[in-house]
Amino acid sequence: PRGVRHALVVVLALTACAVLAGTTSLLAVGE
């Protein structure tokens, strides 16, 4: 908890959206 900046649900939801948009790598998800 000391290092958490964003709720896990937000991170997972944004990652899911990025994958659905066609990203294929962790770097692409971050971008």
Full PDB file with SEQRES, HELIX, SHEET, SSBOND, CRYST1, ORIGX, SCALE, CONECT and MASTER records, all heavy atoms in Angstrom:
SEQRES   1 A   31  PRO ARG GLY VAL ARG HIS ALA LEU VAL VAL VAL LEU ALA          
SEQRES   2 A   31  LEU THR ALA CYS ALA VAL LEU ALA GLY THR THR SER LEU          
SEQRES   3 A   31  LEU ALA VAL GLY GLU                                          
HELIX    1 AA1 LEU A    8  LEU A   20  1                                  13    
HELIX    2 AA2 LEU A   26  GLY A   30  1                                   5    
CRYST1    1.000    1.000    1.000  90.00  90.00  90.00 P 1           1          
ORIGX1      1.000000  0.000000  0.000000        0.00000                         
ORIGX2      0.000000  1.000000  0.000000        0.00000                         
ORIGX3      0.000000  0.000000  1.000000        0.00000                         
SCALE1      1.000000  0.000000  0.000000        0.00000                         
SCALE2      0.000000  1.000000  0.000000        0.00000                         
SCALE3      0.000000  0.000000  1.000000        0.00000                         
ATOM      1  N   PRO A   1       0.802  -1.234   0.000  1.00  0.00           N  
ATOM      2  CA  PRO A   1       0.000   0.000   0.000  1.00  0.00           C  
ATOM      3  C   PRO A   1       0.834   1.284   0.000  1.00  0.00           C  
ATOM      4  O   PRO A   1       0.373   2.318  -0.462  1.00  0.00           O  
ATOM      5  CB  PRO A   1      -0.827  -0.093   1.276  1.00  0.00           C  
ATOM      6  CG  PRO A   1      -0.802  -1.524   1.663  1.00  0.00           C  
ATOM      7  CD  PRO A   1       0.456  -2.111   1.102  1.00  0.00           C  
ATOM      8  N   ARG A   2       2.055   1.210   0.487  1.00  0.00           N  
ATOM      9  CA  ARG A   2       2.884   2.422   0.542  1.00  0.00           C  
ATOM     10  C   ARG A   2       3.274   2.937  -0.839  1.00  0.00           C  
ATOM     11  O   ARG A   2       3.564   4.118  -0.992  1.00  0.00           O  
ATOM     12  CB  ARG A   2       4.147   2.169   1.359  1.00  0.00           C  
ATOM     13  CG  ARG A   2       3.854   1.940   2.828  1.00  0.00           C  
ATOM     14  CD  ARG A   2       5.119   1.621   3.563  1.00  0.00           C  
ATOM     15  NE  ARG A   2       5.620   0.330   3.091  1.00  0.00           N  
ATOM     16  CZ  ARG A   2       6.712  -0.265   3.521  1.00  0.00           C  
ATOM     17  NH1 ARG A   2       7.451   0.320   4.439  1.00  0.00           N  
ATOM     18  NH2 ARG A   2       7.083  -1.435   3.057  1.00  0.00           N  
ATOM     19  N   GLY A   3       3.284   2.087  -1.840  1.00  0.00           N  
ATOM     20  CA  GLY A   3       3.696   2.514  -3.170  1.00  0.00           C  
ATOM     21  C   GLY A   3       2.557   2.680  -4.158  1.00  0.00           C  
ATOM     22  O   GLY A   3       2.780   2.972  -5.328  1.00  0.00           O  
ATOM     23  N   VAL A   4       1.334   2.524  -3.706  1.00  0.00           N  
ATOM     24  CA  VAL A   4       0.182   2.557  -4.608  1.00  0.00           C  
ATOM     25  C   VAL A   4      -0.195   3.998  -4.948  1.00  0.00           C  
ATOM     26  O   VAL A   4      -0.424   4.813  -4.061  1.00  0.00           O  
ATOM     27  CB  VAL A   4      -1.022   1.820  -3.975  1.00  0.00           C  
ATOM     28  CG1 VAL A   4      -2.262   1.997  -4.831  1.00  0.00           C  
ATOM     29  CG2 VAL A   4      -0.705   0.344  -3.800  1.00  0.00           C  
ATOM     30  N   ARG A   5      -0.223   4.292  -6.238  1.00  0.00           N  
ATOM     31  CA  ARG A   5      -0.663   5.615  -6.705  1.00  0.00           C  
ATOM     32  C   ARG A   5      -2.049   5.556  -7.333  1.00  0.00           C  
ATOM     33  O   ARG A   5      -2.765   6.547  -7.353  1.00  0.00           O  
ATOM     34  CB  ARG A   5       0.307   6.171  -7.739  1.00  0.00           C  
ATOM     35  CG  ARG A   5       1.631   6.550  -7.174  1.00  0.00           C  
ATOM     36  CD  ARG A   5       2.466   7.218  -8.223  1.00  0.00           C  
ATOM     37  NE  ARG A   5       3.778   7.538  -7.683  1.00  0.00           N  
ATOM     38  CZ  ARG A   5       4.668   8.246  -8.316  1.00  0.00           C  
ATOM     39  NH1 ARG A   5       4.404   8.697  -9.516  1.00  0.00           N  
ATOM     40  NH2 ARG A   5       5.825   8.496  -7.760  1.00  0.00           N  
ATOM     41  N   HIS A   6      -2.384   4.412  -7.905  1.00  0.00           N  
ATOM     42  CA  HIS A   6      -3.649   4.263  -8.616  1.00  0.00           C  
ATOM     43  C   HIS A   6      -4.334   2.984  -8.151  1.00  0.00           C  
ATOM     44  O   HIS A   6      -3.670   1.981  -7.891  1.00  0.00           O  
ATOM     45  CB  HIS A   6      -3.418   4.195 -10.126  1.00  0.00           C  
ATOM     46  CG  HIS A   6      -2.661   5.371 -10.660  1.00  0.00           C  
ATOM     47  ND1 HIS A   6      -3.218   6.612 -10.785  1.00  0.00           N  
ATOM     48  CD2 HIS A   6      -1.379   5.487 -11.071  1.00  0.00           C  
ATOM     49  CE1 HIS A   6      -2.320   7.450 -11.270  1.00  0.00           C  
ATOM     50  NE2 HIS A   6      -1.183   6.786 -11.446  1.00  0.00           N  
ATOM     51  N   ALA A   7      -5.638   3.036  -8.071  1.00  0.00           N  
ATOM     52  CA  ALA A   7      -6.405   1.857  -7.680  1.00  0.00           C  
ATOM     53  C   ALA A   7      -6.190   0.747  -8.708  1.00  0.00           C  
ATOM     54  O   ALA A   7      -6.099   1.011  -9.917  1.00  0.00           O  
ATOM     55  CB  ALA A   7      -7.883   2.204  -7.586  1.00  0.00           C  
ATOM     56  N   LEU A   8      -6.087  -0.476  -8.225  1.00  0.00           N  
ATOM     57  CA  LEU A   8      -5.844  -1.611  -9.116  1.00  0.00           C  
ATOM     58  C   LEU A   8      -6.928  -1.728 -10.178  1.00  0.00           C  
ATOM     59  O   LEU A   8      -6.642  -2.030 -11.332  1.00  0.00           O  
ATOM     60  CB  LEU A   8      -5.736  -2.914  -8.314  1.00  0.00           C  
ATOM     61  CG  LEU A   8      -5.407  -4.155  -9.134  1.00  0.00           C  
ATOM     62  CD1 LEU A   8      -4.048  -4.011  -9.824  1.00  0.00           C  
ATOM     63  CD2 LEU A   8      -5.430  -5.398  -8.272  1.00  0.00           C  
ATOM     64  N   VAL A   9      -8.173  -1.470  -9.806  1.00  0.00           N  
ATOM     65  CA  VAL A   9      -9.262  -1.587 -10.777  1.00  0.00           C  
ATOM     66  C   VAL A   9      -9.062  -0.618 -11.944  1.00  0.00           C  
ATOM     67  O   VAL A   9      -9.351  -0.951 -13.091  1.00  0.00           O  
ATOM     68  CB  VAL A   9     -10.646  -1.390 -10.108  1.00  0.00           C  
ATOM     69  CG1 VAL A   9     -10.827   0.035  -9.590  1.00  0.00           C  
ATOM     70  CG2 VAL A   9     -11.761  -1.752 -11.074  1.00  0.00           C  
ATOM     71  N   VAL A  10      -8.509   0.552 -11.688  1.00  0.00           N  
ATOM     72  CA  VAL A  10      -8.247   1.522 -12.751  1.00  0.00           C  
ATOM     73  C   VAL A  10      -7.130   1.007 -13.661  1.00  0.00           C  
ATOM     74  O   VAL A  10      -7.239   1.072 -14.891  1.00  0.00           O  
ATOM     75  CB  VAL A  10      -7.885   2.899 -12.157  1.00  0.00           C  
ATOM     76  CG1 VAL A  10      -7.453   3.868 -13.246  1.00  0.00           C  
ATOM     77  CG2 VAL A  10      -9.051   3.459 -11.369  1.00  0.00           C  
ATOM     78  N   VAL A  11      -6.080   0.488 -13.071  1.00  0.00           N  
ATOM     79  CA  VAL A  11      -4.963  -0.053 -13.851  1.00  0.00           C  
ATOM     80  C   VAL A  11      -5.449  -1.208 -14.726  1.00  0.00           C  
ATOM     81  O   VAL A  11      -5.123  -1.276 -15.924  1.00  0.00           O  
ATOM     82  CB  VAL A  11      -3.822  -0.511 -12.917  1.00  0.00           C  
ATOM     83  CG1 VAL A  11      -2.728  -1.216 -13.696  1.00  0.00           C  
ATOM     84  CG2 VAL A  11      -3.263   0.668 -12.134  1.00  0.00           C  
ATOM     85  N   LEU A  12      -6.232  -2.107 -14.161  1.00  0.00           N  
ATOM     86  CA  LEU A  12      -6.730  -3.253 -14.928  1.00  0.00           C  
ATOM     87  C   LEU A  12      -7.688  -2.825 -16.026  1.00  0.00           C  
ATOM     88  O   LEU A  12      -7.632  -3.349 -17.151  1.00  0.00           O  
ATOM     89  CB  LEU A  12      -7.403  -4.252 -13.986  1.00  0.00           C  
ATOM     90  CG  LEU A  12      -6.493  -4.930 -12.967  1.00  0.00           C  
ATOM     91  CD1 LEU A  12      -7.313  -5.793 -12.013  1.00  0.00           C  
ATOM     92  CD2 LEU A  12      -5.411  -5.742 -13.653  1.00  0.00           C  
ATOM     93  N   ALA A  13      -8.566  -1.875 -15.738  1.00  0.00           N  
ATOM     94  CA  ALA A  13      -9.534  -1.414 -16.741  1.00  0.00           C  
ATOM     95  C   ALA A  13      -8.827  -0.720 -17.902  1.00  0.00           C  
ATOM     96  O   ALA A  13      -9.154  -0.963 -19.076  1.00  0.00           O  
ATOM     97  CB  ALA A  13     -10.552  -0.481 -16.098  1.00  0.00           C  
ATOM     98  N   LEU A  14      -7.852   0.136 -17.597  1.00  0.00           N  
ATOM     99  CA  LEU A  14      -7.109   0.806 -18.671  1.00  0.00           C  
ATOM    100  C   LEU A  14      -6.304  -0.190 -19.487  1.00  0.00           C  
ATOM    101  O   LEU A  14      -6.205  -0.069 -20.718  1.00  0.00           O  
ATOM    102  CB  LEU A  14      -6.198   1.885 -18.088  1.00  0.00           C  
ATOM    103  CG  LEU A  14      -6.906   3.144 -17.610  1.00  0.00           C  
ATOM    104  CD1 LEU A  14      -5.941   4.041 -16.866  1.00  0.00           C  
ATOM    105  CD2 LEU A  14      -7.546   3.878 -18.778  1.00  0.00           C  
ATOM    106  N   THR A  15      -5.738  -1.188 -18.839  1.00  0.00           N  
ATOM    107  CA  THR A  15      -4.997  -2.217 -19.555  1.00  0.00           C  
ATOM    108  C   THR A  15      -5.921  -3.000 -20.477  1.00  0.00           C  
ATOM    109  O   THR A  15      -5.575  -3.277 -21.638  1.00  0.00           O  
ATOM    110  CB  THR A  15      -4.283  -3.160 -18.567  1.00  0.00           C  
ATOM    111  OG1 THR A  15      -3.409  -2.384 -17.745  1.00  0.00           O  
ATOM    112  CG2 THR A  15      -3.491  -4.226 -19.291  1.00  0.00           C  
ATOM    113  N   ALA A  16      -7.094  -3.334 -19.991  1.00  0.00           N  
ATOM    114  CA  ALA A  16      -8.067  -4.053 -20.822  1.00  0.00           C  
ATOM    115  C   ALA A  16      -8.471  -3.219 -22.032  1.00  0.00           C  
ATOM    116  O   ALA A  16      -8.551  -3.729 -23.151  1.00  0.00           O  
ATOM    117  CB  ALA A  16      -9.302  -4.419 -19.997  1.00  0.00           C  
ATOM    118  N   CYS A  17      -8.696  -1.934 -21.828  1.00  0.00           N  
ATOM    119  CA  CYS A  17      -9.052  -1.047 -22.942  1.00  0.00           C  
ATOM    120  C   CYS A  17      -7.923  -0.975 -23.966  1.00  0.00           C  
ATOM    121  O   CYS A  17      -8.167  -1.011 -25.175  1.00  0.00           O  
ATOM    122  CB  CYS A  17      -9.381   0.349 -22.429  1.00  0.00           C  
ATOM    123  SG  CYS A  17     -10.928   0.446 -21.506  1.00  0.00           S  
ATOM    124  N   ALA A  18      -6.695  -0.878 -23.488  1.00  0.00           N  
ATOM    125  CA  ALA A  18      -5.547  -0.801 -24.392  1.00  0.00           C  
ATOM    126  C   ALA A  18      -5.412  -2.075 -25.212  1.00  0.00           C  
ATOM    127  O   ALA A  18      -5.141  -2.020 -26.423  1.00  0.00           O  
ATOM    128  CB  ALA A  18      -4.271  -0.541 -23.594  1.00  0.00           C  
ATOM    129  N   VAL A  19      -5.602  -3.205 -24.584  1.00  0.00           N  
ATOM    130  CA  VAL A  19      -5.513  -4.489 -25.301  1.00  0.00           C  
ATOM    131  C   VAL A  19      -6.634  -4.592 -26.330  1.00  0.00           C  
ATOM    132  O   VAL A  19      -6.417  -5.009 -27.468  1.00  0.00           O  
ATOM    133  CB  VAL A  19      -5.534  -5.672 -24.311  1.00  0.00           C  
ATOM    134  CG1 VAL A  19      -5.692  -6.996 -25.044  1.00  0.00           C  
ATOM    135  CG2 VAL A  19      -4.253  -5.670 -23.476  1.00  0.00           C  
ATOM    136  N   LEU A  20      -7.835  -4.178 -25.948  1.00  0.00           N  
ATOM    137  CA  LEU A  20      -8.946  -4.192 -26.908  1.00  0.00           C  
ATOM    138  C   LEU A  20      -8.700  -3.240 -28.070  1.00  0.00           C  
ATOM    139  O   LEU A  20      -9.205  -3.452 -29.175  1.00  0.00           O  
ATOM    140  CB  LEU A  20     -10.257  -3.841 -26.201  1.00  0.00           C  
ATOM    141  CG  LEU A  20     -10.783  -4.911 -25.248  1.00  0.00           C  
ATOM    142  CD1 LEU A  20     -11.954  -4.364 -24.437  1.00  0.00           C  
ATOM    143  CD2 LEU A  20     -11.188  -6.157 -26.009  1.00  0.00           C  
ATOM    144  N   ALA A  21      -7.911  -2.192 -27.824  1.00  0.00           N  
ATOM    145  CA  ALA A  21      -7.577  -1.237 -28.881  1.00  0.00           C  
ATOM    146  C   ALA A  21      -6.446  -1.739 -29.775  1.00  0.00           C  
ATOM    147  O   ALA A  21      -6.105  -1.095 -30.753  1.00  0.00           O  
ATOM    148  CB  ALA A  21      -7.200   0.105 -28.265  1.00  0.00           C  
ATOM    149  N   GLY A  22      -5.853  -2.879 -29.416  1.00  0.00           N  
ATOM    150  CA  GLY A  22      -4.876  -3.493 -30.295  1.00  0.00           C  
ATOM    151  C   GLY A  22      -3.434  -3.471 -29.829  1.00  0.00           C  
ATOM    152  O   GLY A  22      -2.550  -3.880 -30.582  1.00  0.00           O  
ATOM    153  N   THR A  23      -3.166  -3.008 -28.612  1.00  0.00           N  
ATOM    154  CA  THR A  23      -1.782  -3.027 -28.149  1.00  0.00           C  
ATOM    155  C   THR A  23      -1.321  -4.468 -27.951  1.00  0.00           C  
ATOM    156  O   THR A  23      -2.114  -5.346 -27.626  1.00  0.00           O  
ATOM    157  CB  THR A  23      -1.613  -2.248 -26.837  1.00  0.00           C  
ATOM    158  OG1 THR A  23      -2.389  -2.855 -25.822  1.00  0.00           O  
ATOM    159  CG2 THR A  23      -2.013  -0.795 -26.999  1.00  0.00           C  
ATOM    160  N   THR A  24      -0.021  -4.692 -28.156  1.00  0.00           N  
ATOM    161  CA  THR A  24       0.487  -6.061 -28.070  1.00  0.00           C  
ATOM    162  C   THR A  24       1.682  -6.202 -27.136  1.00  0.00           C  
ATOM    163  O   THR A  24       2.287  -7.266 -27.074  1.00  0.00           O  
ATOM    164  CB  THR A  24       0.885  -6.580 -29.463  1.00  0.00           C  
ATOM    165  OG1 THR A  24       1.850  -5.686 -30.024  1.00  0.00           O  
ATOM    166  CG2 THR A  24      -0.329  -6.671 -30.382  1.00  0.00           C  
ATOM    167  N   SER A  25       2.039  -5.129 -26.426  1.00  0.00           N  
ATOM    168  CA  SER A  25       3.158  -5.220 -25.494  1.00  0.00           C  
ATOM    169  C   SER A  25       2.887  -4.318 -24.296  1.00  0.00           C  
ATOM    170  O   SER A  25       2.042  -3.422 -24.356  1.00  0.00           O  
ATOM    171  CB  SER A  25       4.466  -4.800 -26.163  1.00  0.00           C  
ATOM    172  OG  SER A  25       4.456  -3.402 -26.422  1.00  0.00           O  
ATOM    173  N   LEU A  26       3.633  -4.545 -23.227  1.00  0.00           N  
ATOM    174  CA  LEU A  26       3.477  -3.719 -22.042  1.00  0.00           C  
ATOM    175  C   LEU A  26       3.853  -2.266 -22.344  1.00  0.00           C  
ATOM    176  O   LEU A  26       3.193  -1.336 -21.884  1.00  0.00           O  
ATOM    177  CB  LEU A  26       4.328  -4.271 -20.896  1.00  0.00           C  
ATOM    178  CG  LEU A  26       4.145  -3.630 -19.540  1.00  0.00           C  
ATOM    179  CD1 LEU A  26       2.693  -3.648 -19.105  1.00  0.00           C  
ATOM    180  CD2 LEU A  26       5.018  -4.309 -18.509  1.00  0.00           C  
ATOM    181  N   LEU A  27       4.876  -2.077 -23.148  1.00  0.00           N  
ATOM    182  CA  LEU A  27       5.272  -0.722 -23.545  1.00  0.00           C  
ATOM    183  C   LEU A  27       4.137  -0.033 -24.308  1.00  0.00           C  
ATOM    184  O   LEU A  27       3.817   1.131 -24.056  1.00  0.00           O  
ATOM    185  CB  LEU A  27       6.537  -0.760 -24.392  1.00  0.00           C  
ATOM    186  CG  LEU A  27       7.027   0.585 -24.928  1.00  0.00           C  
ATOM    187  CD1 LEU A  27       7.375   1.520 -23.787  1.00  0.00           C  
ATOM    188  CD2 LEU A  27       8.221   0.379 -25.837  1.00  0.00           C  
ATOM    189  N   ALA A  28       3.512  -0.753 -25.223  1.00  0.00           N  
ATOM    190  CA  ALA A  28       2.412  -0.195 -26.006  1.00  0.00           C  
ATOM    191  C   ALA A  28       1.220   0.142 -25.116  1.00  0.00           C  
ATOM    192  O   ALA A  28       0.546   1.146 -25.332  1.00  0.00           O  
ATOM    193  CB  ALA A  28       2.006  -1.155 -27.112  1.00  0.00           C  
ATOM    194  N   VAL A  29       0.968  -0.689 -24.111  1.00  0.00           N  
ATOM    195  CA  VAL A  29      -0.111  -0.403 -23.165  1.00  0.00           C  
ATOM    196  C   VAL A  29       0.196   0.905 -22.437  1.00  0.00           C  
ATOM    197  O   VAL A  29      -0.669   1.785 -22.315  1.00  0.00           O  
ATOM    198  CB  VAL A  29      -0.304  -1.555 -22.141  1.00  0.00           C  
ATOM    199  CG1 VAL A  29      -1.224  -1.133 -21.017  1.00  0.00           C  
ATOM    200  CG2 VAL A  29      -0.853  -2.795 -22.841  1.00  0.00           C  
ATOM    201  N   GLY A  30       1.415   1.068 -21.961  1.00  0.00           N  
ATOM    202  CA  GLY A  30       1.799   2.288 -21.261  1.00  0.00           C  
ATOM    203  C   GLY A  30       1.657   3.516 -22.145  1.00  0.00           C  
ATOM    204  O   GLY A  30       1.186   4.573 -21.706  1.00  0.00           O  
ATOM    205  N   GLU A  31       2.056   3.399 -23.406  1.00  0.00           N  
ATOM    206  CA  GLU A  31       1.925   4.518 -24.337  1.00  0.00           C  
ATOM    207  C   GLU A  31       0.459   4.825 -24.616  1.00  0.00           C  
ATOM    208  O   GLU A  31       0.066   5.983 -24.684  1.00  0.00           O  
ATOM    209  CB  GLU A  31       2.657   4.201 -25.638  1.00  0.00           C  
ATOM    210  CG  GLU A  31       4.164   4.176 -25.467  1.00  0.00           C  
ATOM    211  CD  GLU A  31       4.892   3.680 -26.699  1.00  0.00           C  
ATOM    212  OE1 GLU A  31       4.246   3.139 -27.635  1.00  0.00           O  
ATOM    213  OE2 GLU A  31       6.131   3.817 -26.729  1.00  0.00           O  
TER     214      GLU A  31                                                      
MASTER        0    0    0    2    0    0    0    6  213    1    0    3          
END                                                                             
